[in-house]
PDB file of N, CA and C in Angstrom:
ATOM      1  N   UNK A   1      -1.680  12.467  11.111  1.00  0.00           N
ATOM      2  CA  UNK A   1      -0.740  12.000  10.130  1.00  0.00           C
ATOM      3  C   UNK A   1      -0.409  10.529  10.409  1.00  0.00           C
ATOM      4  N   UNK A   2      -0.183   9.805   9.334  1.00  0.00           N
ATOM      5  CA  UNK A   2       0.056   8.366   9.425  1.00  0.00           C
ATOM      6  C   UNK A   2       1.418   8.044   8.825  1.00  0.00           C
ATOM      7  N   UNK A   3       2.167   7.183   9.497  1.00  0.00           N
ATOM      8  CA  UNK A   3       3.431   6.698   8.953  1.00  0.00           C
ATOM      9  C   UNK A   3       3.127   5.436   8.135  1.00  0.00           C
ATOM     10  N   UNK A   4       3.368   5.529   6.824  1.00  0.00           N
ATOM     11  CA  UNK A   4       3.095   4.410   5.924  1.00  0.00           C
ATOM     12  C   UNK A   4       4.413   3.857   5.412  1.00  0.00           C
ATOM     13  N   UNK A   5       4.665   2.578   5.663  1.00  0.00           N
ATOM     14  CA  UNK A   5       5.806   1.904   5.057  1.00  0.00           C
ATOM     15  C   UNK A   5       5.290   1.367   3.731  1.00  0.00           C
ATOM     16  N   UNK A   6       5.832   1.913   2.647  1.00  0.00           N
ATOM     17  CA  UNK A   6       5.328   1.631   1.314  1.00  0.00           C
ATOM     18  C   UNK A   6       6.432   1.001   0.484  1.00  0.00           C
ATOM     19  N   UNK A   7       6.053   0.063  -0.403  1.00  0.00           N
ATOM     20  CA  UNK A   7       7.076  -0.516  -1.250  1.00  0.00           C
ATOM     21  C   UNK A   7       6.652  -1.796  -1.923  1.00  0.00           C
ATOM     22  N   UNK A   8       7.680  -2.573  -2.296  1.00  0.00           N
ATOM     23  CA  UNK A   8       7.474  -3.840  -2.994  1.00  0.00           C
ATOM     24  C   UNK A   8       8.481  -4.861  -2.484  1.00  0.00           C
ATOM     25  N   UNK A   9       8.723  -5.913  -3.261  1.00  0.00           N
ATOM     26  CA  UNK A   9       9.629  -6.978  -2.818  1.00  0.00           C
ATOM     27  C   UNK A   9      11.061  -6.488  -2.591  1.00  0.00           C
ATOM     28  N   UNK A  10      11.473  -5.484  -3.341  1.00  0.00           N
ATOM     29  CA  UNK A  10      12.880  -5.074  -3.306  1.00  0.00           C
ATOM     30  C   UNK A  10      13.143  -3.727  -2.654  1.00  0.00           C
ATOM     31  N   UNK A  11      12.130  -2.909  -2.468  1.00  0.00           N
ATOM     32  CA  UNK A  11      12.338  -1.556  -1.947  1.00  0.00           C
ATOM     33  C   UNK A  11      11.207  -1.171  -1.004  1.00  0.00           C
ATOM     34  N   UNK A  12      11.581  -0.605   0.137  1.00  0.00           N
ATOM     35  CA  UNK A  12      10.586  -0.105   1.094  1.00  0.00           C
ATOM     36  C   UNK A  12      11.078   1.207   1.673  1.00  0.00           C
ATOM     37  N   UNK A  13      10.143   2.109   1.914  1.00  0.00           N
ATOM     38  CA  UNK A  13      10.476   3.381   2.538  1.00  0.00           C
ATOM     39  C   UNK A  13       9.288   3.869   3.347  1.00  0.00           C
ATOM     40  N   UNK A  14       9.559   4.697   4.313  1.00  0.00           N
ATOM     41  CA  UNK A  14       8.501   5.245   5.163  1.00  0.00           C
ATOM     42  C   UNK A  14       8.145   6.645   4.676  1.00  0.00           C
ATOM     43  N   UNK A  15       6.850   6.910   4.579  1.00  0.00           N
ATOM     44  CA  UNK A  15       6.355   8.233   4.212  1.00  0.00           C
ATOM     45  C   UNK A  15       5.271   8.631   5.208  1.00  0.00           C
ATOM     46  N   UNK A  16       5.101   9.914   5.378  1.00  0.00           N
ATOM     47  CA  UNK A  16       4.069  10.443   6.269  1.00  0.00           C
ATOM     48  C   UNK A  16       2.961  11.012   5.399  1.00  0.00           C
ATOM     49  N   UNK A  17       1.729  10.557   5.625  1.00  0.00           N
ATOM     50  CA  UNK A  17       0.584  11.002   4.826  1.00  0.00           C
ATOM     51  C   UNK A  17      -0.583  11.389   5.726  1.00  0.00           C
ATOM     52  N   UNK A  18      -1.489  12.154   5.166  1.00  0.00           N
ATOM     53  CA  UNK A  18      -2.716  12.520   5.856  1.00  0.00           C
ATOM     54  C   UNK A  18      -3.680  11.333   5.822  1.00  0.00           C
ATOM     55  N   UNK A  19      -4.460  11.153   6.850  1.00  0.00           N
ATOM     56  CA  UNK A  19      -5.381  10.010   6.923  1.00  0.00           C
ATOM     57  C   UNK A  19      -6.489  10.078   5.875  1.00  0.00           C
ATOM     58  N   UNK A  20      -6.707  11.242   5.278  1.00  0.00           N
ATOM     59  CA  UNK A  20      -7.741  11.395   4.256  1.00  0.00           C
ATOM     60  C   UNK A  20      -7.203  11.238   2.836  1.00  0.00           C
ATOM     61  N   UNK A  21      -5.989  10.732   2.702  1.00  0.00           N
ATOM     62  CA  UNK A  21      -5.381  10.454   1.409  1.00  0.00           C
ATOM     63  C   UNK A  21      -5.774   9.043   0.979  1.00  0.00           C
ATOM     64  N   UNK A  22      -6.018   8.848  -0.323  1.00  0.00           N
ATOM     65  CA  UNK A  22      -6.333   7.508  -0.801  1.00  0.00           C
ATOM     66  C   UNK A  22      -5.062   6.684  -0.944  1.00  0.00           C
ATOM     67  N   UNK A  23      -5.217   5.382  -0.857  1.00  0.00           N
ATOM     68  CA  UNK A  23      -4.075   4.482  -1.025  1.00  0.00           C
ATOM     69  C   UNK A  23      -3.472   4.650  -2.419  1.00  0.00           C
ATOM     70  N   UNK A  24      -4.314   4.784  -3.449  1.00  0.00           N
ATOM     71  CA  UNK A  24      -3.829   4.947  -4.812  1.00  0.00           C
ATOM     72  C   UNK A  24      -2.960   6.203  -4.949  1.00  0.00           C
ATOM     73  N   UNK A  25      -3.365   7.306  -4.333  1.00  0.00           N
ATOM     74  CA  UNK A  25      -2.604   8.552  -4.413  1.00  0.00           C
ATOM     75  C   UNK A  25      -1.206   8.377  -3.823  1.00  0.00           C
ATOM     76  N   UNK A  26      -1.113   7.687  -2.700  1.00  0.00           N
ATOM     77  CA  UNK A  26       0.188   7.467  -2.063  1.00  0.00           C
ATOM     78  C   UNK A  26       1.072   6.587  -2.944  1.00  0.00           C
ATOM     79  N   UNK A  27       0.487   5.537  -3.517  1.00  0.00           N
ATOM     80  CA  UNK A  27       1.247   4.654  -4.409  1.00  0.00           C
ATOM     81  C   UNK A  27       1.766   5.422  -5.619  1.00  0.00           C
ATOM     82  N   UNK A  28       0.914   6.194  -6.253  1.00  0.00           N
ATOM     83  CA  UNK A  28       1.309   6.942  -7.436  1.00  0.00           C
ATOM     84  C   UNK A  28       2.329   8.029  -7.108  1.00  0.00           C
ATOM     85  N   UNK A  29       2.149   8.729  -5.994  1.00  0.00           N
ATOM     86  CA  UNK A  29       3.091   9.780  -5.598  1.00  0.00           C
ATOM     87  C   UNK A  29       4.485   9.240  -5.316  1.00  0.00           C
ATOM     88  N   UNK A  30       4.565   7.943  -4.971  1.00  0.00           N
ATOM     89  CA  UNK A  30       5.855   7.346  -4.616  1.00  0.00           C
ATOM     90  C   UNK A  30       6.374   6.369  -5.665  1.00  0.00           C
ATOM     91  N   UNK A  31       5.745   6.350  -6.824  1.00  0.00           N
ATOM     92  CA  UNK A  31       6.240   5.543  -7.936  1.00  0.00           C
ATOM     93  C   UNK A  31       6.148   4.046  -7.737  1.00  0.00           C
ATOM     94  N   UNK A  32       5.149   3.585  -6.998  1.00  0.00           N
ATOM     95  CA  UNK A  32       4.963   2.156  -6.777  1.00  0.00           C
ATOM     96  C   UNK A  32       3.965   1.619  -7.799  1.00  0.00           C
ATOM     97  N   UNK A  33       4.383   0.629  -8.597  1.00  0.00           N
ATOM     98  CA  UNK A  33       3.512  -0.002  -9.587  1.00  0.00           C
ATOM     99  C   UNK A  33       2.601  -0.991  -8.862  1.00  0.00           C
ATOM    100  N   UNK A  34       1.326  -0.673  -8.819  1.00  0.00           N
ATOM    101  CA  UNK A  34       0.370  -1.533  -8.114  1.00  0.00           C
ATOM    102  C   UNK A  34      -0.355  -2.486  -9.058  1.00  0.00           C
ATOM    103  N   UNK A  35       0.078  -2.567 -10.316  1.00  0.00           N
ATOM    104  CA  UNK A  35      -0.588  -3.417 -11.305  1.00  0.00           C
ATOM    105  C   UNK A  35       0.084  -4.765 -11.500  1.00  0.00           C
ATOM    106  N   UNK A  36       1.269  -4.936 -10.953  1.00  0.00           N
ATOM    107  CA  UNK A  36       2.037  -6.142 -11.265  1.00  0.00           C
ATOM    108  C   UNK A  36       2.058  -7.192 -10.161  1.00  0.00           C
ATOM    109  N   UNK A  37       1.340  -6.986  -9.098  1.00  0.00           N
ATOM    110  CA  UNK A  37       1.345  -7.955  -8.006  1.00  0.00           C
ATOM    111  C   UNK A  37       0.086  -7.821  -7.178  1.00  0.00           C
ATOM    112  N   UNK A  38       0.126  -8.356  -5.988  1.00  0.00           N
ATOM    113  CA  UNK A  38      -1.013  -8.292  -5.070  1.00  0.00           C
ATOM    114  C   UNK A  38      -0.732  -7.217  -4.026  1.00  0.00           C
ATOM    115  N   UNK A  39      -1.663  -6.289  -3.887  1.00  0.00           N
ATOM    116  CA  UNK A  39      -1.509  -5.217  -2.907  1.00  0.00           C
ATOM    117  C   UNK A  39      -1.958  -5.709  -1.537  1.00  0.00           C
ATOM    118  N   UNK A  40      -1.163  -5.353  -0.524  1.00  0.00           N
ATOM    119  CA  UNK A  40      -1.475  -5.719   0.849  1.00  0.00           C
ATOM    120  C   UNK A  40      -1.449  -4.483   1.744  1.00  0.00           C
ATOM    121  N   UNK A  41      -2.408  -4.391   2.634  1.00  0.00           N
ATOM    122  CA  UNK A  41      -2.445  -3.356   3.656  1.00  0.00           C
ATOM    123  C   UNK A  41      -2.358  -4.066   4.993  1.00  0.00           C
ATOM    124  N   UNK A  42      -1.257  -3.865   5.693  1.00  0.00           N
ATOM    125  CA  UNK A  42      -0.999  -4.542   6.973  1.00  0.00           C
ATOM    126  C   UNK A  42      -1.177  -6.058   6.876  1.00  0.00           C
ATOM    127  N   UNK A  43      -0.710  -6.640   5.765  1.00  0.00           N
ATOM    128  CA  UNK A  43      -0.710  -8.085   5.599  1.00  0.00           C
ATOM    129  C   UNK A  43      -1.969  -8.676   5.004  1.00  0.00           C
ATOM    130  N   UNK A  44      -3.017  -7.867   4.823  1.00  0.00           N
ATOM    131  CA  UNK A  44      -4.258  -8.358   4.232  1.00  0.00           C
ATOM    132  C   UNK A  44      -4.354  -7.905   2.781  1.00  0.00           C
ATOM    133  N   UNK A  45      -4.762  -8.820   1.900  1.00  0.00           N
ATOM    134  CA  UNK A  45      -4.914  -8.484   0.483  1.00  0.00           C
ATOM    135  C   UNK A  45      -6.033  -7.467   0.314  1.00  0.00           C
ATOM    136  N   UNK A  46      -5.811  -6.516  -0.591  1.00  0.00           N
ATOM    137  CA  UNK A  46      -6.831  -5.515  -0.880  1.00  0.00           C
ATOM    138  C   UNK A  46      -7.786  -6.021  -1.948  1.00  0.00           C
ATOM    139  N   UNK A  47      -9.014  -5.597  -1.879  1.00  0.00           N
ATOM    140  CA  UNK A  47     -10.062  -5.971  -2.825  1.00  0.00           C
ATOM    141  C   UNK A  47     -10.260  -4.871  -3.869  1.00  0.00           C
ATOM    142  N   UNK A  48     -10.945  -5.177  -4.973  1.00  0.00           N
ATOM    143  CA  UNK A  48     -11.231  -4.142  -5.961  1.00  0.00           C
ATOM    144  C   UNK A  48     -11.920  -2.945  -5.308  1.00  0.00           C
ATOM    145  N   UNK A  49     -11.475  -1.749  -5.652  1.00  0.00           N
ATOM    146  CA  UNK A  49     -12.044  -0.522  -5.094  1.00  0.00           C
ATOM    147  C   UNK A  49     -11.362  -0.033  -3.842  1.00  0.00           C
ATOM    148  N   UNK A  50     -10.592  -0.880  -3.180  1.00  0.00           N
ATOM    149  CA  UNK A  50      -9.939  -0.484  -1.931  1.00  0.00           C
ATOM    150  C   UNK A  50      -8.875   0.589  -2.132  1.00  0.00           C
ATOM    151  N   UNK A  51      -8.248   0.640  -3.302  1.00  0.00           N
ATOM    152  CA  UNK A  51      -7.206   1.642  -3.538  1.00  0.00           C
ATOM    153  C   UNK A  51      -7.773   3.056  -3.550  1.00  0.00           C
ATOM    154  N   UNK A  52      -9.053   3.199  -3.842  1.00  0.00           N
ATOM    155  CA  UNK A  52      -9.670   4.519  -3.891  1.00  0.00           C
ATOM    156  C   UNK A  52     -10.302   4.935  -2.566  1.00  0.00           C
ATOM    157  N   UNK A  53     -10.115   4.135  -1.537  1.00  0.00           N
ATOM    158  CA  UNK A  53     -10.566   4.491  -0.186  1.00  0.00           C
ATOM    159  C   UNK A  53      -9.409   5.165   0.549  1.00  0.00           C
ATOM    160  N   UNK A  54      -9.745   5.992   1.508  1.00  0.00           N
ATOM    161  CA  UNK A  54      -8.723   6.670   2.305  1.00  0.00           C
ATOM    162  C   UNK A  54      -8.221   5.749   3.420  1.00  0.00           C
ATOM    163  N   UNK A  55      -7.112   6.143   4.013  1.00  0.00           N
ATOM    164  CA  UNK A  55      -6.598   5.383   5.148  1.00  0.00           C
ATOM    165  C   UNK A  55      -7.613   5.403   6.293  1.00  0.00           C
ATOM    166  N   UNK A  56      -8.285   6.529   6.490  1.00  0.00           N
ATOM    167  CA  UNK A  56      -9.305   6.625   7.538  1.00  0.00           C
ATOM    168  C   UNK A  56     -10.436   5.646   7.284  1.00  0.00           C
ATOM    169  N   UNK A  57     -10.839   5.490   6.024  1.00  0.00           N
ATOM    170  CA  UNK A  57     -11.911   4.545   5.697  1.00  0.00           C
ATOM    171  C   UNK A  57     -11.491   3.101   5.962  1.00  0.00           C
ATOM    172  N   UNK A  58     -10.192   2.834   5.920  1.00  0.00           N
ATOM    173  CA  UNK A  58      -9.682   1.494   6.234  1.00  0.00           C
ATOM    174  C   UNK A  58      -9.433   1.323   7.732  1.00  0.00           C
ATOM    175  N   UNK A  59      -9.649   2.374   8.509  1.00  0.00           N
ATOM    176  CA  UNK A  59      -9.451   2.297   9.954  1.00  0.00           C
ATOM    177  C   UNK A  59      -8.010   2.483  10.391  1.00  0.00           C
ATOM    178  N   UNK A  60      -7.166   3.003   9.510  1.00  0.00           N
ATOM    179  CA  UNK A  60      -5.754   3.224   9.840  1.00  0.00           C
ATOM    180  C   UNK A  60      -5.620   4.604  10.473  1.00  0.00           C
ATOM    181  N   UNK A  61      -5.021   4.660  11.684  1.00  0.00           N
ATOM    182  CA  UNK A  61      -4.924   5.931  12.391  1.00  0.00           C
ATOM    183  C   UNK A  61      -3.496   6.325  12.762  1.00  0.00           C
ATOM    184  N   UNK A  62      -2.552   5.378  12.809  1.00  0.00           N
ATOM    185  CA  UNK A  62      -1.198   5.716  13.239  1.00  0.00           C
ATOM    186  C   UNK A  62      -0.123   5.294  12.258  1.00  0.00           C
ATOM    187  N   UNK A  63      -0.082   3.987  11.936  1.00  0.00           N
ATOM    188  CA  UNK A  63       0.947   3.482  11.036  1.00  0.00           C
ATOM    189  C   UNK A  63       0.450   2.224  10.351  1.00  0.00           C
ATOM    190  N   UNK A  64       1.073   1.913   9.192  1.00  0.00           N
ATOM    191  CA  UNK A  64       0.668   0.721   8.459  1.00  0.00           C
ATOM    192  C   UNK A  64       1.728   0.372   7.425  1.00  0.00           C
ATOM    193  N   UNK A  65       1.561  -0.804   6.839  1.00  0.00           N
ATOM    194  CA  UNK A  65       2.369  -1.261   5.718  1.00  0.00           C
ATOM    195  C   UNK A  65       1.466  -1.333   4.497  1.00  0.00           C
ATOM    196  N   UNK A  66       1.912  -0.736   3.385  1.00  0.00           N
ATOM    197  CA  UNK A  66       1.195  -0.786   2.114  1.00  0.00           C
ATOM    198  C   UNK A  66       2.183  -1.322   1.088  1.00  0.00           C
ATOM    199  N   UNK A  67       2.062  -2.609   0.784  1.00  0.00           N
ATOM    200  CA  UNK A  67       3.073  -3.288  -0.023  1.00  0.00           C
ATOM    201  C   UNK A  67       2.474  -3.983  -1.237  1.00  0.00           C
ATOM    202  N   UNK A  68       3.230  -3.960  -2.330  1.00  0.00           N
ATOM    203  CA  UNK A  68       2.891  -4.702  -3.531  1.00  0.00           C
ATOM    204  C   UNK A  68       3.810  -5.914  -3.571  1.00  0.00           C
ATOM    205  N   UNK A  69       3.228  -7.099  -3.481  1.00  0.00           N
ATOM    206  CA  UNK A  69       4.016  -8.333  -3.432  1.00  0.00           C
ATOM    207  C   UNK A  69       3.874  -9.060  -4.761  1.00  0.00           C
ATOM    208  N   UNK A  70       5.007  -9.248  -5.424  1.00  0.00           N
ATOM    209  CA  UNK A  70       5.039  -9.971  -6.686  1.00  0.00           C
ATOM    210  C   UNK A  70       5.614 -11.335  -6.428  1.00  0.00           C
ATOM    211  N   UNK A  71       4.864 -12.374  -6.797  1.00  0.00           N
ATOM    212  CA  UNK A  71       5.335 -13.738  -6.617  1.00  0.00           C
ATOM    213  C   UNK A  71       5.836 -14.230  -7.968  1.00  0.00           C
ATOM    214  N   UNK A  72       7.066 -14.689  -7.998  1.00  0.00           N
ATOM    215  CA  UNK A  72       7.645 -15.201  -9.240  1.00  0.00           C
ATOM    216  C   UNK A  72       6.958 -16.494  -9.668  1.00  0.00           C
ATOM    217  N   UNK A  73       6.928 -16.747 -10.977  1.00  0.00           N
ATOM    218  CA  UNK A  73       6.269 -17.952 -11.505  1.00  0.00           C
ATOM    219  C   UNK A  73       6.872 -19.231 -10.952  1.00  0.00           C
ATOM    220  N   UNK A  74       8.162 -19.221 -10.660  1.00  0.00           N
ATOM    221  CA  UNK A  74       8.818 -20.440 -10.193  1.00  0.00           C
ATOM    222  C   UNK A  74       8.914 -20.533  -8.675  1.00  0.00           C
ATOM    223  N   UNK A  75       8.260 -19.643  -7.957  1.00  0.00           N
ATOM    224  CA  UNK A  75       8.305 -19.684  -6.493  1.00  0.00           C
ATOM    225  C   UNK A  75       7.535 -20.891  -5.981  1.00  0.00           C
ATOM    226  N   UNK A  76       8.035 -21.450  -4.921  1.00  0.00           N
ATOM    227  CA  UNK A  76       7.396 -22.650  -4.336  1.00  0.00           C
ATOM    228  C   UNK A  76       6.211 -22.292  -3.481  1.00  0.00           C
TER     229      UNK A  76
END
């Protein structure tokens, strides 16, 4: 089981998931909109197709951060 800190700019929470769960499934199960910003896994931007890979396929075995970061148009 993996402890995933999941969220966005304003909300974060920890959930426990199986390592064979896809990133997309965890996002959808927790109501995180992954279409409005850049998805990051442990600080690295995700590439197309990465959401349909499991945590095990990404090499995650214990804990991680899965965050959607939205940058405002007027941000410096």
